[in-house]
């Protein structure tokens, strides 16, 4: 987990980006409909357990490696998204468990990450703000100080990101979109029309997903950077031996190398379910692998 010291050091190492003073009072929440033209390069769904935040960090470290981000950019990415994920862990479901979703978009000289929950969400602002509060022509709704639950970590996120947006999720929940500059990020191949469904292929609710991680990632270059890190971390958490963790990493490398042969075109879709000394993988809708920790 990022400490106050590492956050302060990250900010201090960037004299070219003066730190603006955070706005007084509760943060302003702005609802902005999702741009239909954006296609996520990475989608994660897992339960909002504290230990699962580490899996998100491993996936983000893979993204950083795959794009060639420097140490400062990688630290900013991990720290800002970790703060948003911690908010979901602590506040989104009123002490209960539910799904945590993370989308990563590789943009031109930038990264955008959306952290989403389907929990208590922001207070309903339809009764709090009359229609004229809608900003005409922008599709945005200024919800002012109607901050709802959470808010922990937002000053850190604002300090590290160049743009932060908070919005309501249809049906209940909150999403935070964090955009960070990445001027030297490597270009990825165009995803074309291979748009994945951002719906879970698993009909279980978040409270039943304690041992399951769902991943959709593209293109293949990014899959090869993300999947081995994620599955190795999952194997370590499942108490696999060092040799067996190495085997899991090799299997992940092979799966990622053939990502463009998955059923959903350019996307590699993996669902991993773990138990002590055991991992089960489902790749797409047809291939299943059982990876026991043989000692």
Protein backbone atom coordinates (compact mmCIF):
# COMPACT_ATOMS: atom_id res chain seq x y z
CA UNK A 1 0.00 0.00 0.00
CA UNK A 2 1.28 3.52 -0.72
CA UNK A 3 2.41 5.45 2.32
CA UNK A 4 2.16 9.17 2.95
CA UNK A 5 5.92 9.36 2.44
CA UNK A 6 5.88 7.69 -1.00
CA UNK A 7 2.99 9.92 -2.12
CA UNK A 8 4.84 13.02 -0.95
CA UNK A 9 8.06 11.89 -2.64
CA UNK A 10 6.22 11.20 -5.89
CA UNK A 11 4.73 14.68 -5.91
CA UNK A 12 8.01 16.31 -4.89
CA UNK A 13 9.91 14.65 -7.75
CA UNK A 14 7.81 16.49 -10.32
CA UNK A 15 8.73 20.17 -10.10
CA UNK A 16 7.39 20.71 -13.61
CA UNK A 17 3.88 20.08 -12.35
CA UNK A 18 3.07 22.55 -9.57
CA UNK A 19 0.59 21.16 -7.10
CA UNK A 20 -2.62 23.15 -7.11
CA UNK A 21 -4.32 23.72 -3.82
CA UNK A 22 -7.33 21.38 -3.42
CA UNK A 23 -10.70 23.12 -3.56
CA UNK A 24 -12.21 24.09 -0.24
CA UNK A 25 -14.99 21.94 1.12
CA UNK A 26 -16.20 18.55 -0.15
CA UNK A 27 -15.03 17.60 -3.66
CA UNK A 28 -17.35 18.47 -6.49
CA UNK A 29 -18.84 15.48 -8.25
CA UNK A 30 -19.60 15.73 -11.92
CA UNK A 31 -21.63 13.19 -13.84
CA UNK A 32 -20.34 12.62 -17.34
CA UNK A 33 -21.80 9.92 -19.61
CA UNK A 34 -19.26 7.41 -20.91
CA UNK A 35 -17.84 8.17 -24.32
CA UNK A 36 -19.01 5.40 -26.62
CA UNK A 37 -15.89 5.77 -28.76
CA UNK A 38 -13.57 4.67 -25.96
CA UNK A 39 -12.59 1.02 -25.81
CA UNK A 40 -10.89 -0.25 -22.64
CA UNK A 41 -7.59 -2.04 -22.99
CA UNK A 42 -8.02 -3.71 -19.62
CA UNK A 43 -11.09 -4.64 -17.57
CA UNK A 44 -10.87 -6.25 -14.14
CA UNK A 45 -13.68 -7.50 -11.92
CA UNK A 46 -13.02 -8.86 -8.45
CA UNK A 47 -14.38 -8.60 -4.94
CA UNK A 48 -13.68 -5.50 -2.85
CA UNK A 49 -11.47 -7.34 -0.38
CA UNK A 50 -8.45 -5.40 0.88
CA UNK A 51 -6.05 -8.06 -0.38
CA UNK A 52 -7.49 -7.79 -3.90
CA UNK A 53 -6.17 -4.25 -4.20
CA UNK A 54 -2.73 -5.84 -4.48
CA UNK A 55 -3.94 -7.76 -7.55
CA UNK A 56 -5.11 -4.51 -9.13
CA UNK A 57 -1.67 -3.02 -8.44
CA UNK A 58 0.02 -5.99 -10.11
CA UNK A 59 -2.15 -5.56 -13.20
CA UNK A 60 -1.35 -1.84 -13.30
CA UNK A 61 2.36 -2.55 -12.94
CA UNK A 62 2.01 -4.81 -15.97
CA UNK A 63 0.33 -1.99 -17.88
CA UNK A 64 3.15 0.36 -16.89
CA UNK A 65 5.78 -2.14 -18.05
CA UNK A 66 3.93 -2.82 -21.29
CA UNK A 67 3.77 0.89 -22.11
CA UNK A 68 7.30 1.67 -20.99
CA UNK A 69 6.28 4.13 -18.27
CA UNK A 70 9.06 5.44 -16.08
CA UNK A 71 9.22 4.83 -12.33
CA UNK A 72 7.49 8.08 -11.42
CA UNK A 73 4.63 7.56 -13.88
CA UNK A 74 4.19 3.97 -12.70
CA UNK A 75 4.13 5.05 -9.07
CA UNK A 76 1.59 7.80 -9.80
CA UNK A 77 -0.64 5.31 -11.60
CA UNK A 78 -0.50 2.73 -8.82
CA UNK A 79 -0.92 5.24 -6.02
CA UNK A 80 -3.89 7.10 -7.50
CA UNK A 81 -5.78 3.95 -8.46
CA UNK A 82 -4.98 2.27 -5.13
CA UNK A 83 -6.59 5.19 -3.31
CA UNK A 84 -9.74 4.84 -5.42
CA UNK A 85 -9.84 1.07 -4.84
CA UNK A 86 -9.37 1.52 -1.10
CA UNK A 87 -12.39 3.79 -1.12
CA UNK A 88 -14.46 0.97 -2.66
CA UNK A 89 -13.13 -1.48 -0.07
CA UNK A 90 -13.95 0.80 2.84
CA UNK A 91 -17.11 2.62 1.82
CA UNK A 92 -18.95 1.31 -1.23
CA UNK A 93 -20.96 -1.51 0.29
CA UNK A 94 -21.53 -0.42 3.87
CA UNK A 95 -19.11 -2.94 5.33
CA UNK A 96 -20.27 -5.77 3.08
CA UNK A 97 -18.62 -7.28 0.02
CA UNK A 98 -19.39 -6.48 -3.60
CA UNK A 99 -17.75 -6.18 -7.00
CA UNK A 100 -14.85 -3.84 -7.72
CA UNK A 101 -14.34 -3.05 -11.40
CA UNK A 102 -11.32 -1.35 -12.96
CA UNK A 103 -11.09 -0.21 -16.59
CA UNK A 104 -7.84 1.02 -18.15
CA UNK A 105 -7.82 3.07 -21.36
CA UNK A 106 -4.57 3.76 -23.21
CA UNK A 107 -5.06 7.20 -24.78
CA UNK A 108 -2.78 9.49 -26.76
CA UNK A 109 0.04 10.40 -24.36
CA UNK A 110 -2.22 9.59 -21.42
CA UNK A 111 -3.84 6.84 -19.41
CA UNK A 112 -7.37 6.85 -18.05
CA UNK A 113 -8.49 4.46 -15.31
CA UNK A 114 -12.07 4.09 -14.13
CA UNK A 115 -12.70 2.48 -10.73
CA UNK A 116 -16.33 1.45 -10.34
CA UNK A 117 -18.55 -0.08 -7.68
CA UNK A 118 -22.23 -1.03 -7.58
CA UNK A 119 -22.79 -0.14 -3.96
CA UNK A 120 -24.59 2.59 -2.06
CA UNK A 121 -23.46 5.20 -4.58
CA UNK A 122 -23.94 8.92 -4.41
CA UNK A 123 -27.12 10.23 -2.91
CA UNK A 124 -29.86 10.59 -5.48
CA UNK A 125 -29.38 14.11 -6.80
CA UNK A 126 -32.48 14.11 -8.97
CA UNK A 127 -34.46 15.60 -6.07
CA UNK A 128 -31.62 17.80 -4.87
CA UNK A 129 -30.94 19.72 -8.07
CA UNK A 130 -33.49 21.10 -10.54
CA UNK A 131 -33.09 20.43 -14.29
CA UNK A 132 -31.54 23.86 -14.88
CA UNK A 133 -28.45 22.70 -12.97
CA UNK A 134 -27.57 20.61 -16.03
CA UNK A 135 -24.80 22.30 -17.99
CA UNK A 136 -26.31 22.65 -21.44
CA UNK A 137 -24.30 21.29 -24.30
CA UNK A 138 -21.82 19.40 -22.14
CA UNK A 139 -23.79 16.38 -20.93
CA UNK A 140 -22.48 17.09 -17.44
CA UNK A 141 -24.42 17.50 -14.24
CA UNK A 142 -22.85 19.57 -11.51
CA UNK A 143 -23.87 17.88 -8.26
CA UNK A 144 -22.03 20.44 -6.11
CA UNK A 145 -21.52 19.42 -2.53
CA UNK A 146 -23.78 16.38 -2.71
CA UNK A 147 -20.78 14.25 -1.98
CA UNK A 148 -22.35 11.04 -0.73
CA UNK A 149 -20.16 8.38 0.88
CA UNK A 150 -16.44 8.08 0.66
CA UNK A 151 -14.04 10.80 -0.33
CA UNK A 152 -11.01 9.34 1.42
CA UNK A 153 -7.95 9.58 -0.79
CA UNK A 154 -9.43 12.10 -3.23
CA UNK A 155 -6.87 14.82 -2.36
CA UNK A 156 -4.10 12.34 -3.20
CA UNK A 157 -5.80 11.36 -6.47
CA UNK A 158 -6.26 15.01 -7.45
CA UNK A 159 -2.61 15.71 -6.64
CA UNK A 160 -1.33 12.94 -8.91
CA UNK A 161 -3.81 13.07 -11.81
CA UNK A 162 -4.33 15.73 -14.44
CA UNK A 163 -8.08 15.16 -14.45
CA UNK A 164 -10.48 13.42 -12.05
CA UNK A 165 -14.19 12.83 -12.64
CA UNK A 166 -16.70 11.28 -10.29
CA UNK A 167 -20.08 10.01 -11.40
CA UNK A 168 -23.07 7.87 -10.56
CA UNK A 169 -23.40 4.37 -12.00
CA UNK A 170 -26.83 3.53 -13.47
CA UNK A 171 -28.61 1.22 -11.06
CA UNK A 172 -26.52 2.35 -8.10
CA UNK A 173 -22.86 2.84 -7.40
CA UNK A 174 -20.07 5.28 -8.06
CA UNK A 175 -17.23 5.49 -10.55
CA UNK A 176 -14.07 7.54 -10.42
CA UNK A 177 -12.25 8.27 -13.66
CA UNK A 178 -8.60 9.16 -13.21
CA UNK A 179 -6.59 10.53 -16.13
CA UNK A 180 -2.80 10.69 -15.89
CA UNK A 181 -0.29 12.10 -18.33
CA UNK A 182 1.93 9.53 -20.04
CA UNK A 183 3.74 11.47 -22.79
CA UNK A 184 6.29 8.74 -23.48
CA UNK A 185 3.94 5.75 -23.36
CA UNK A 186 4.44 3.28 -26.19
CA UNK A 187 1.72 3.16 -28.82
CA UNK A 188 -0.44 0.04 -28.92
CA UNK A 189 -1.98 -1.58 -31.94
CA UNK A 190 -5.47 -0.43 -32.82
CA UNK A 191 -8.21 -2.59 -31.33
CA UNK A 192 -10.47 -2.14 -34.33
CA UNK A 193 -14.00 -3.38 -33.83
CA UNK A 194 -13.08 -5.94 -31.17
CA UNK A 195 -15.08 -4.30 -28.40
CA UNK A 196 -15.55 -6.56 -25.38
CA UNK A 197 -18.70 -6.76 -23.36
CA UNK A 198 -18.07 -5.01 -20.07
CA UNK A 199 -20.52 -7.34 -18.43
CA UNK A 200 -19.33 -10.22 -16.32
CA UNK A 201 -19.51 -13.65 -17.88
CA UNK A 202 -20.14 -14.94 -14.35
CA UNK A 203 -23.63 -14.55 -12.91
CA UNK A 204 -22.41 -14.43 -9.32
CA UNK A 205 -22.72 -11.25 -7.32
CA UNK A 206 -19.78 -9.58 -5.62
CA UNK A 207 -20.40 -11.22 -2.27
CA UNK A 208 -19.85 -14.63 -3.93
CA UNK A 209 -16.68 -13.64 -5.80
CA UNK A 210 -14.29 -13.93 -2.88
CA UNK A 211 -11.91 -16.20 -4.79
CA UNK A 212 -12.54 -15.09 -8.39
CA UNK A 213 -10.83 -12.55 -10.65
CA UNK A 214 -12.13 -11.71 -14.12
CA UNK A 215 -9.84 -10.13 -16.71
CA UNK A 216 -10.28 -8.85 -20.26
CA UNK A 217 -7.17 -7.37 -21.87
CA UNK A 218 -5.93 -6.30 -25.31
CA UNK A 219 -3.87 -6.06 -27.41
CA UNK A 220 -1.51 -9.00 -27.13
CA UNK A 221 1.48 -6.83 -26.15
CA UNK A 222 -0.44 -5.59 -23.12
CA UNK A 223 -1.76 -9.06 -22.28
CA UNK A 224 1.81 -10.39 -22.17
CA UNK A 225 2.75 -7.70 -19.66
CA UNK A 226 -0.33 -8.01 -17.44
CA UNK A 227 -1.43 -11.65 -17.27
CA UNK A 228 1.83 -13.21 -15.97
CA UNK A 229 2.06 -10.65 -13.17
CA UNK A 230 -1.56 -11.11 -12.17
CA UNK A 231 -1.57 -14.91 -12.16
CA UNK A 232 1.80 -15.10 -10.41
CA UNK A 233 0.47 -12.87 -7.63
CA UNK A 234 -2.65 -15.02 -7.39
CA UNK A 235 -0.53 -18.19 -7.19
CA UNK A 236 1.63 -16.68 -4.45
CA UNK A 237 -1.49 -15.79 -2.49
CA UNK A 238 -2.70 -19.37 -2.93
CA UNK A 239 0.51 -20.60 -1.23
CA UNK A 240 2.02 -22.13 -4.36
CA UNK A 241 5.64 -23.20 -4.17
CA UNK A 242 8.25 -21.04 -5.90
CA UNK A 243 8.72 -23.59 -8.67
CA UNK A 244 5.00 -23.83 -9.25
CA UNK A 245 4.63 -20.04 -9.36
CA UNK A 246 7.24 -20.08 -12.11
CA UNK A 247 5.16 -22.70 -13.96
CA UNK A 248 2.04 -20.54 -13.63
CA UNK A 249 3.95 -17.60 -15.07
CA UNK A 250 5.05 -19.67 -18.08
CA UNK A 251 1.46 -20.79 -18.67
CA UNK A 252 0.32 -17.16 -18.47
CA UNK A 253 3.00 -16.18 -20.99
CA UNK A 254 1.75 -18.85 -23.40
CA UNK A 255 -1.88 -17.78 -23.01
CA UNK A 256 -1.02 -14.14 -23.59
CA UNK A 257 1.14 -14.95 -26.61
CA UNK A 258 -1.96 -16.42 -28.25
CA UNK A 259 -4.36 -13.73 -27.11
CA UNK A 260 -5.40 -12.84 -30.64
CA UNK A 261 -6.68 -16.40 -31.10
CA UNK A 262 -9.24 -16.03 -28.31
CA UNK A 263 -12.89 -16.14 -29.18
CA UNK A 264 -13.37 -12.40 -28.75
CA UNK A 265 -10.85 -11.43 -31.39
CA UNK A 266 -8.08 -9.24 -30.03
CA UNK A 267 -9.18 -9.69 -26.42
CA UNK A 268 -7.92 -12.29 -24.01
CA UNK A 269 -10.63 -13.14 -21.50
CA UNK A 270 -9.61 -15.05 -18.37
CA UNK A 271 -11.51 -15.96 -15.22
CA UNK A 272 -9.31 -17.26 -12.40
CA UNK A 273 -10.71 -18.95 -9.30
CA UNK A 274 -8.26 -19.71 -6.53
CA UNK A 275 -8.18 -21.77 -3.36
CA UNK A 276 -5.22 -22.79 -1.19
CA UNK A 277 -2.77 -24.66 -3.48
CA UNK A 278 -5.19 -24.59 -6.41
CA UNK A 279 -6.13 -22.31 -9.31
CA UNK A 280 -8.73 -22.93 -12.00
CA UNK A 281 -8.67 -20.89 -15.21
CA UNK A 282 -11.37 -20.36 -17.79
CA UNK A 283 -10.14 -18.80 -21.03
CA UNK A 284 -12.94 -17.45 -23.15
CA UNK A 285 -15.99 -19.66 -22.98
CA UNK A 286 -14.49 -22.99 -23.97
CA UNK A 287 -11.02 -23.63 -22.54
CA UNK A 288 -10.53 -24.58 -18.90
CA UNK A 289 -7.25 -25.26 -17.11
CA UNK A 290 -6.69 -26.72 -13.65
CA UNK A 291 -3.42 -25.66 -12.00
CA UNK A 292 -2.84 -27.48 -8.73
CA UNK A 293 0.22 -26.81 -6.63
CA UNK A 294 1.83 -30.24 -6.83
CA UNK A 295 4.42 -30.65 -4.08
